[in-house]
Amino acid sequence: MCHVFHQDYIIKKGNGCMALEHEMLHLLDQRGAQYPAEHNVGHLYEAKPALKQFYRKLDPTNSFNPGIGKTSKKKNWAE
């Protein structure tokens, strides 16, 4: 089952937006949430190992979209 949520939050001035985001992501991780949504993982979230393997097979030179899923941005997947 897949649920896609697009939520906007209003944060009171002076509160740490990034800290709140990390706190929320940690809570979602504990609940087993996944973030790919309709745009896949993008550059913000880490791809699962099977997806990383798929990217390497599909693009052995890492030319199409380097860094996607928090993978290497270097040619030929160099670390």
PDB file of N, CA and C in Angstrom:
ATOM      1  N   MET A   1       0.841  -1.167   0.000  1.00  0.00           N
ATOM      2  CA  MET A   1       0.000   0.000   0.000  1.00  0.00           C
ATOM      3  C   MET A   1       0.890   1.233   0.000  1.00  0.00           C
ATOM      4  N   CYS A   2       0.455   2.240  -0.689  1.00  0.00           N
ATOM      5  CA  CYS A   2       1.242   3.464  -0.781  1.00  0.00           C
ATOM      6  C   CYS A   2       0.362   4.669  -0.472  1.00  0.00           C
ATOM      7  N   HIS A   3       0.832   5.490   0.422  1.00  0.00           N
ATOM      8  CA  HIS A   3       0.177   6.763   0.720  1.00  0.00           C
ATOM      9  C   HIS A   3       1.176   7.866   0.416  1.00  0.00           C
ATOM     10  N   VAL A   4       0.765   8.850  -0.338  1.00  0.00           N
ATOM     11  CA  VAL A   4       1.633   9.984  -0.634  1.00  0.00           C
ATOM     12  C   VAL A   4       1.061  11.202   0.067  1.00  0.00           C
ATOM     13  N   PHE A   5       1.884  11.800   0.907  1.00  0.00           N
ATOM     14  CA  PHE A   5       1.468  12.990   1.636  1.00  0.00           C
ATOM     15  C   PHE A   5       2.351  14.163   1.235  1.00  0.00           C
ATOM     16  N   HIS A   6       1.744  15.273   0.964  1.00  0.00           N
ATOM     17  CA  HIS A   6       2.470  16.517   0.749  1.00  0.00           C
ATOM     18  C   HIS A   6       2.007  17.451   1.852  1.00  0.00           C
ATOM     19  N   GLN A   7       2.895  17.716   2.782  1.00  0.00           N
ATOM     20  CA  GLN A   7       2.512  18.539   3.925  1.00  0.00           C
ATOM     21  C   GLN A   7       3.427  19.748   4.021  1.00  0.00           C
ATOM     22  N   ASP A   8       2.854  20.856   4.360  1.00  0.00           N
ATOM     23  CA  ASP A   8       3.609  22.076   4.623  1.00  0.00           C
ATOM     24  C   ASP A   8       3.472  22.391   6.103  1.00  0.00           C
ATOM     25  N   TYR A   9       4.541  22.876   6.690  1.00  0.00           N
ATOM     26  CA  TYR A   9       4.537  23.202   8.111  1.00  0.00           C
ATOM     27  C   TYR A   9       4.907  24.660   8.292  1.00  0.00           C
ATOM     28  N   ILE A  10       4.246  25.296   9.217  1.00  0.00           N
ATOM     29  CA  ILE A  10       4.577  26.671   9.577  1.00  0.00           C
ATOM     30  C   ILE A  10       5.286  26.605  10.919  1.00  0.00           C
ATOM     31  N   ILE A  11       6.518  27.080  10.931  1.00  0.00           N
ATOM     32  CA  ILE A  11       7.354  27.013  12.125  1.00  0.00           C
ATOM     33  C   ILE A  11       7.525  28.418  12.684  1.00  0.00           C
ATOM     34  N   LYS A  12       7.328  28.542  13.970  1.00  0.00           N
ATOM     35  CA  LYS A  12       7.472  29.838  14.628  1.00  0.00           C
ATOM     36  C   LYS A  12       8.910  30.338  14.484  1.00  0.00           C
ATOM     37  N   LYS A  13       9.059  31.609  14.165  1.00  0.00           N
ATOM     38  CA  LYS A  13      10.369  32.226  13.976  1.00  0.00           C
ATOM     39  C   LYS A  13      11.253  31.956  15.197  1.00  0.00           C
ATOM     40  N   GLY A  14      12.501  31.591  14.916  1.00  0.00           N
ATOM     41  CA  GLY A  14      13.453  31.322  15.982  1.00  0.00           C
ATOM     42  C   GLY A  14      13.591  29.840  16.303  1.00  0.00           C
ATOM     43  N   ASN A  15      12.672  29.018  15.810  1.00  0.00           N
ATOM     44  CA  ASN A  15      12.780  27.574  16.018  1.00  0.00           C
ATOM     45  C   ASN A  15      13.594  26.968  14.887  1.00  0.00           C
ATOM     46  N   GLY A  16      14.311  25.918  15.183  1.00  0.00           N
ATOM     47  CA  GLY A  16      15.184  25.288  14.198  1.00  0.00           C
ATOM     48  C   GLY A  16      14.414  24.408  13.228  1.00  0.00           C
ATOM     49  N   CYS A  17      14.237  24.886  12.008  1.00  0.00           N
ATOM     50  CA  CYS A  17      13.503  24.119  10.992  1.00  0.00           C
ATOM     51  C   CYS A  17      14.199  22.801  10.667  1.00  0.00           C
ATOM     52  N   MET A  18      15.515  22.843  10.500  1.00  0.00           N
ATOM     53  CA  MET A  18      16.253  21.624  10.149  1.00  0.00           C
ATOM     54  C   MET A  18      16.203  20.609  11.281  1.00  0.00           C
ATOM     55  N   ALA A  19      16.300  21.078  12.519  1.00  0.00           N
ATOM     56  CA  ALA A  19      16.227  20.168  13.667  1.00  0.00           C
ATOM     57  C   ALA A  19      14.862  19.484  13.699  1.00  0.00           C
ATOM     58  N   LEU A  20      13.812  20.242  13.443  1.00  0.00           N
ATOM     59  CA  LEU A  20      12.465  19.669  13.416  1.00  0.00           C
ATOM     60  C   LEU A  20      12.338  18.651  12.284  1.00  0.00           C
ATOM     61  N   GLU A  21      12.874  18.995  11.119  1.00  0.00           N
ATOM     62  CA  GLU A  21      12.818  18.060   9.990  1.00  0.00           C
ATOM     63  C   GLU A  21      13.524  16.756  10.327  1.00  0.00           C
ATOM     64  N   HIS A  22      14.722  16.843  10.913  1.00  0.00           N
ATOM     65  CA  HIS A  22      15.466  15.631  11.269  1.00  0.00           C
ATOM     66  C   HIS A  22      14.729  14.820  12.327  1.00  0.00           C
ATOM     67  N   GLU A  23      14.107  15.494  13.256  1.00  0.00           N
ATOM     68  CA  GLU A  23      13.321  14.815  14.287  1.00  0.00           C
ATOM     69  C   GLU A  23      12.146  14.059  13.642  1.00  0.00           C
ATOM     70  N   MET A  24      11.488  14.719  12.707  1.00  0.00           N
ATOM     71  CA  MET A  24      10.354  14.086  12.025  1.00  0.00           C
ATOM     72  C   MET A  24      10.810  12.892  11.181  1.00  0.00           C
ATOM     73  N   LEU A  25      11.921  13.035  10.478  1.00  0.00           N
ATOM     74  CA  LEU A  25      12.425  11.932   9.659  1.00  0.00           C
ATOM     75  C   LEU A  25      12.815  10.746  10.528  1.00  0.00           C
ATOM     76  N   HIS A  26      13.391  11.021  11.691  1.00  0.00           N
ATOM     77  CA  HIS A  26      13.754   9.950  12.623  1.00  0.00           C
ATOM     78  C   HIS A  26      12.497   9.194  13.065  1.00  0.00           C
ATOM     79  N   LEU A  27      11.449   9.919  13.393  1.00  0.00           N
ATOM     80  CA  LEU A  27      10.185   9.302  13.791  1.00  0.00           C
ATOM     81  C   LEU A  27       9.612   8.460  12.649  1.00  0.00           C
ATOM     82  N   LEU A  28       9.656   8.990  11.441  1.00  0.00           N
ATOM     83  CA  LEU A  28       9.155   8.241  10.285  1.00  0.00           C
ATOM     84  C   LEU A  28       9.991   6.989  10.032  1.00  0.00           C
ATOM     85  N   ASP A  29      11.320   7.090  10.203  1.00  0.00           N
ATOM     86  CA  ASP A  29      12.197   5.923  10.054  1.00  0.00           C
ATOM     87  C   ASP A  29      11.805   4.829  11.040  1.00  0.00           C
ATOM     88  N   GLN A  30      11.524   5.221  12.272  1.00  0.00           N
ATOM     89  CA  GLN A  30      11.126   4.252  13.297  1.00  0.00           C
ATOM     90  C   GLN A  30       9.831   3.538  12.913  1.00  0.00           C
ATOM     91  N   ARG A  31       8.994   4.202  12.165  1.00  0.00           N
ATOM     92  CA  ARG A  31       7.712   3.621  11.742  1.00  0.00           C
ATOM     93  C   ARG A  31       7.823   2.857  10.424  1.00  0.00           C
ATOM     94  N   GLY A  32       9.016   2.833   9.836  1.00  0.00           N
ATOM     95  CA  GLY A  32       9.232   2.090   8.597  1.00  0.00           C
ATOM     96  C   GLY A  32       8.822   2.836   7.339  1.00  0.00           C
ATOM     97  N   ALA A  33       8.690   4.148   7.435  1.00  0.00           N
ATOM     98  CA  ALA A  33       8.294   4.943   6.266  1.00  0.00           C
ATOM     99  C   ALA A  33       9.405   4.951   5.224  1.00  0.00           C
ATOM    100  N   GLN A  34       9.009   5.120   3.972  1.00  0.00           N
ATOM    101  CA  GLN A  34       9.950   5.283   2.872  1.00  0.00           C
ATOM    102  C   GLN A  34       9.624   6.590   2.182  1.00  0.00           C
ATOM    103  N   TYR A  35      10.637   7.233   1.620  1.00  0.00           N
ATOM    104  CA  TYR A  35      10.463   8.580   1.088  1.00  0.00           C
ATOM    105  C   TYR A  35      10.471   8.715  -0.426  1.00  0.00           C
ATOM    106  N   PRO A  36      10.521   7.665  -1.205  1.00  0.00           N
ATOM    107  CA  PRO A  36      10.665   7.899  -2.634  1.00  0.00           C
ATOM    108  C   PRO A  36       9.493   8.612  -3.290  1.00  0.00           C
ATOM    109  N   ALA A  37       8.310   8.436  -2.805  1.00  0.00           N
ATOM    110  CA  ALA A  37       7.108   9.073  -3.359  1.00  0.00           C
ATOM    111  C   ALA A  37       7.078   8.932  -4.880  1.00  0.00           C
ATOM    112  N   GLU A  38       6.430   9.853  -5.546  1.00  0.00           N
ATOM    113  CA  GLU A  38       6.289   9.732  -6.994  1.00  0.00           C
ATOM    114  C   GLU A  38       7.523  10.203  -7.749  1.00  0.00           C
ATOM    115  N   HIS A  39       8.456  10.831  -7.079  1.00  0.00           N
ATOM    116  CA  HIS A  39       9.665  11.325  -7.739  1.00  0.00           C
ATOM    117  C   HIS A  39      10.894  10.484  -7.412  1.00  0.00           C
ATOM    118  N   ASN A  40      10.693   9.335  -6.806  1.00  0.00           N
ATOM    119  CA  ASN A  40      11.761   8.455  -6.360  1.00  0.00           C
ATOM    120  C   ASN A  40      12.564   9.130  -5.255  1.00  0.00           C
ATOM    121  N   VAL A  41      13.778   8.703  -4.997  1.00  0.00           N
ATOM    122  CA  VAL A  41      14.515   9.199  -3.836  1.00  0.00           C
ATOM    123  C   VAL A  41      15.178  10.549  -4.057  1.00  0.00           C
ATOM    124  N   GLY A  42      15.416  10.926  -5.288  1.00  0.00           N
ATOM    125  CA  GLY A  42      16.061  12.214  -5.546  1.00  0.00           C
ATOM    126  C   GLY A  42      17.440  12.290  -4.913  1.00  0.00           C
ATOM    127  N   HIS A  43      17.846  13.488  -4.573  1.00  0.00           N
ATOM    128  CA  HIS A  43      19.156  13.702  -3.959  1.00  0.00           C
ATOM    129  C   HIS A  43      19.051  13.889  -2.448  1.00  0.00           C
ATOM    130  N   LEU A  44      17.829  13.948  -1.930  1.00  0.00           N
ATOM    131  CA  LEU A  44      17.651  14.210  -0.500  1.00  0.00           C
ATOM    132  C   LEU A  44      17.714  12.964   0.360  1.00  0.00           C
ATOM    133  N   TYR A  45      17.299  11.826  -0.188  1.00  0.00           N
ATOM    134  CA  TYR A  45      17.174  10.616   0.618  1.00  0.00           C
ATOM    135  C   TYR A  45      18.062   9.515   0.074  1.00  0.00           C
ATOM    136  N   GLU A  46      18.488   8.638   0.961  1.00  0.00           N
ATOM    137  CA  GLU A  46      19.364   7.542   0.563  1.00  0.00           C
ATOM    138  C   GLU A  46      18.555   6.412  -0.059  1.00  0.00           C
ATOM    139  N   ALA A  47      19.024   5.939  -1.195  1.00  0.00           N
ATOM    140  CA  ALA A  47      18.377   4.817  -1.874  1.00  0.00           C
ATOM    141  C   ALA A  47      18.708   3.525  -1.138  1.00  0.00           C
ATOM    142  N   LYS A  48      17.772   2.593  -1.163  1.00  0.00           N
ATOM    143  CA  LYS A  48      18.015   1.277  -0.569  1.00  0.00           C
ATOM    144  C   LYS A  48      19.040   0.539  -1.426  1.00  0.00           C
ATOM    145  N   PRO A  49      19.735  -0.445  -0.841  1.00  0.00           N
ATOM    146  CA  PRO A  49      20.795  -1.156  -1.574  1.00  0.00           C
ATOM    147  C   PRO A  49      20.354  -1.713  -2.931  1.00  0.00           C
ATOM    148  N   ALA A  50      19.174  -2.295  -3.016  1.00  0.00           N
ATOM    149  CA  ALA A  50      18.716  -2.861  -4.293  1.00  0.00           C
ATOM    150  C   ALA A  50      18.555  -1.773  -5.353  1.00  0.00           C
ATOM    151  N   LEU A  51      18.086  -0.614  -4.964  1.00  0.00           N
ATOM    152  CA  LEU A  51      17.921   0.488  -5.914  1.00  0.00           C
ATOM    153  C   LEU A  51      19.284   1.027  -6.349  1.00  0.00           C
ATOM    154  N   LYS A  52      20.228   1.108  -5.411  1.00  0.00           N
ATOM    155  CA  LYS A  52      21.586   1.541  -5.762  1.00  0.00           C
ATOM    156  C   LYS A  52      22.200   0.583  -6.777  1.00  0.00           C
ATOM    157  N   GLN A  53      21.993  -0.715  -6.563  1.00  0.00           N
ATOM    158  CA  GLN A  53      22.504  -1.719  -7.498  1.00  0.00           C
ATOM    159  C   GLN A  53      21.886  -1.530  -8.883  1.00  0.00           C
ATOM    160  N   PHE A  54      20.593  -1.264  -8.916  1.00  0.00           N
ATOM    161  CA  PHE A  54      19.891  -1.034 -10.179  1.00  0.00           C
ATOM    162  C   PHE A  54      20.480   0.171 -10.906  1.00  0.00           C
ATOM    163  N   TYR A  55      20.724   1.250 -10.169  1.00  0.00           N
ATOM    164  CA  TYR A  55      21.317   2.447 -10.778  1.00  0.00           C
ATOM    165  C   TYR A  55      22.687   2.128 -11.379  1.00  0.00           C
ATOM    166  N   ARG A  56      23.501   1.372 -10.661  1.00  0.00           N
ATOM    167  CA  ARG A  56      24.840   1.023 -11.157  1.00  0.00           C
ATOM    168  C   ARG A  56      24.756   0.181 -12.432  1.00  0.00           C
ATOM    169  N   LYS A  57      23.794  -0.746 -12.450  1.00  0.00           N
ATOM    170  CA  LYS A  57      23.638  -1.602 -13.628  1.00  0.00           C
ATOM    171  C   LYS A  57      23.115  -0.791 -14.816  1.00  0.00           C
ATOM    172  N   LEU A  58      22.165   0.073 -14.563  1.00  0.00           N
ATOM    173  CA  LEU A  58      21.563   0.889 -15.611  1.00  0.00           C
ATOM    174  C   LEU A  58      22.547   1.913 -16.181  1.00  0.00           C
ATOM    175  N   ASP A  59      23.424   2.429 -15.321  1.00  0.00           N
ATOM    176  CA  ASP A  59      24.325   3.523 -15.701  1.00  0.00           C
ATOM    177  C   ASP A  59      25.737   3.246 -15.177  1.00  0.00           C
ATOM    178  N   PRO A  60      26.467   2.326 -15.819  1.00  0.00           N
ATOM    179  CA  PRO A  60      27.782   1.925 -15.305  1.00  0.00           C
ATOM    180  C   PRO A  60      28.806   3.054 -15.205  1.00  0.00           C
ATOM    181  N   THR A  61      28.634   4.122 -15.972  1.00  0.00           N
ATOM    182  CA  THR A  61      29.601   5.225 -15.908  1.00  0.00           C
ATOM    183  C   THR A  61      29.140   6.351 -14.983  1.00  0.00           C
ATOM    184  N   ASN A  62      27.937   6.206 -14.420  1.00  0.00           N
ATOM    185  CA  ASN A  62      27.368   7.211 -13.513  1.00  0.00           C
ATOM    186  C   ASN A  62      27.248   8.573 -14.199  1.00  0.00           C
ATOM    187  N   SER A  63      26.724   8.544 -15.415  1.00  0.00           N
ATOM    188  CA  SER A  63      26.611   9.766 -16.214  1.00  0.00           C
ATOM    189  C   SER A  63      25.215  10.386 -16.214  1.00  0.00           C
ATOM    190  N   PHE A  64      24.185   9.568 -16.020  1.00  0.00           N
ATOM    191  CA  PHE A  64      22.811  10.062 -16.173  1.00  0.00           C
ATOM    192  C   PHE A  64      22.388  11.023 -15.070  1.00  0.00           C
ATOM    193  N   ASN A  65      22.561  10.634 -13.840  1.00  0.00           N
ATOM    194  CA  ASN A  65      22.092  11.448 -12.723  1.00  0.00           C
ATOM    195  C   ASN A  65      22.973  11.186 -11.504  1.00  0.00           C
ATOM    196  N   PRO A  66      24.235  11.584 -11.554  1.00  0.00           N
ATOM    197  CA  PRO A  66      25.158  11.282 -10.463  1.00  0.00           C
ATOM    198  C   PRO A  66      24.692  11.849  -9.132  1.00  0.00           C
ATOM    199  N   GLY A  67      24.853  11.042  -8.100  1.00  0.00           N
ATOM    200  CA  GLY A  67      24.502  11.471  -6.751  1.00  0.00           C
ATOM    201  C   GLY A  67      23.080  11.141  -6.346  1.00  0.00           C
ATOM    202  N   ILE A  68      22.303  10.585  -7.276  1.00  0.00           N
ATOM    203  CA  ILE A  68      20.917  10.255  -6.951  1.00  0.00           C
ATOM    204  C   ILE A  68      20.884   9.214  -5.829  1.00  0.00           C
ATOM    205  N   GLY A  69      19.991   9.394  -4.884  1.00  0.00           N
ATOM    206  CA  GLY A  69      19.878   8.449  -3.771  1.00  0.00           C
ATOM    207  C   GLY A  69      21.064   8.478  -2.836  1.00  0.00           C
ATOM    208  N   LYS A  70      21.763   9.621  -2.800  1.00  0.00           N
ATOM    209  CA  LYS A  70      22.972   9.798  -1.978  1.00  0.00           C
ATOM    210  C   LYS A  70      24.070   8.819  -2.379  1.00  0.00           C
ATOM    211  N   THR A  71      24.164   8.550  -3.684  1.00  0.00           N
ATOM    212  CA  THR A  71      25.245   7.712  -4.197  1.00  0.00           C
ATOM    213  C   THR A  71      26.405   8.616  -4.616  1.00  0.00           C
ATOM    214  N   SER A  72      27.440   8.019  -5.129  1.00  0.00           N
ATOM    215  CA  SER A  72      28.613   8.767  -5.578  1.00  0.00           C
ATOM    216  C   SER A  72      28.247   9.730  -6.707  1.00  0.00           C
ATOM    217  N   LYS A  73      28.878  10.880  -6.706  1.00  0.00           N
ATOM    218  CA  LYS A  73      28.707  11.843  -7.799  1.00  0.00           C
ATOM    219  C   LYS A  73      29.865  11.741  -8.791  1.00  0.00           C
ATOM    220  N   LYS A  74      30.767  10.799  -8.553  1.00  0.00           N
ATOM    221  CA  LYS A  74      31.975  10.688  -9.366  1.00  0.00           C
ATOM    222  C   LYS A  74      31.798   9.704 -10.519  1.00  0.00           C
ATOM    223  N   LYS A  75      32.568   9.922 -11.574  1.00  0.00           N
ATOM    224  CA  LYS A  75      32.544   9.066 -12.754  1.00  0.00           C
ATOM    225  C   LYS A  75      32.840   7.620 -12.366  1.00  0.00           C
ATOM    226  N   ASN A  76      32.128   6.705 -12.988  1.00  0.00           N
ATOM    227  CA  ASN A  76      32.290   5.267 -12.762  1.00  0.00           C
ATOM    228  C   ASN A  76      32.052   4.867 -11.305  1.00  0.00           C
ATOM    229  N   TRP A  77      31.264   5.639 -10.603  1.00  0.00           N
ATOM    230  CA  TRP A  77      30.858   5.353  -9.219  1.00  0.00           C
ATOM    231  C   TRP A  77      32.018   5.376  -8.232  1.00  0.00           C
ATOM    232  N   ALA A  78      33.103   6.051  -8.564  1.00  0.00           N
ATOM    233  CA  ALA A  78      34.241   6.135  -7.642  1.00  0.00           C
ATOM    234  C   ALA A  78      33.781   6.774  -6.329  1.00  0.00           C
ATOM    235  N   GLU A  79      34.366   6.324  -5.266  1.00  0.00           N
ATOM    236  CA  GLU A  79      34.007   6.871  -3.940  1.00  0.00           C
ATOM    237  C   GLU A  79      34.847   8.049  -3.596  1.00  0.00           C
TER     238      GLU A  79
END
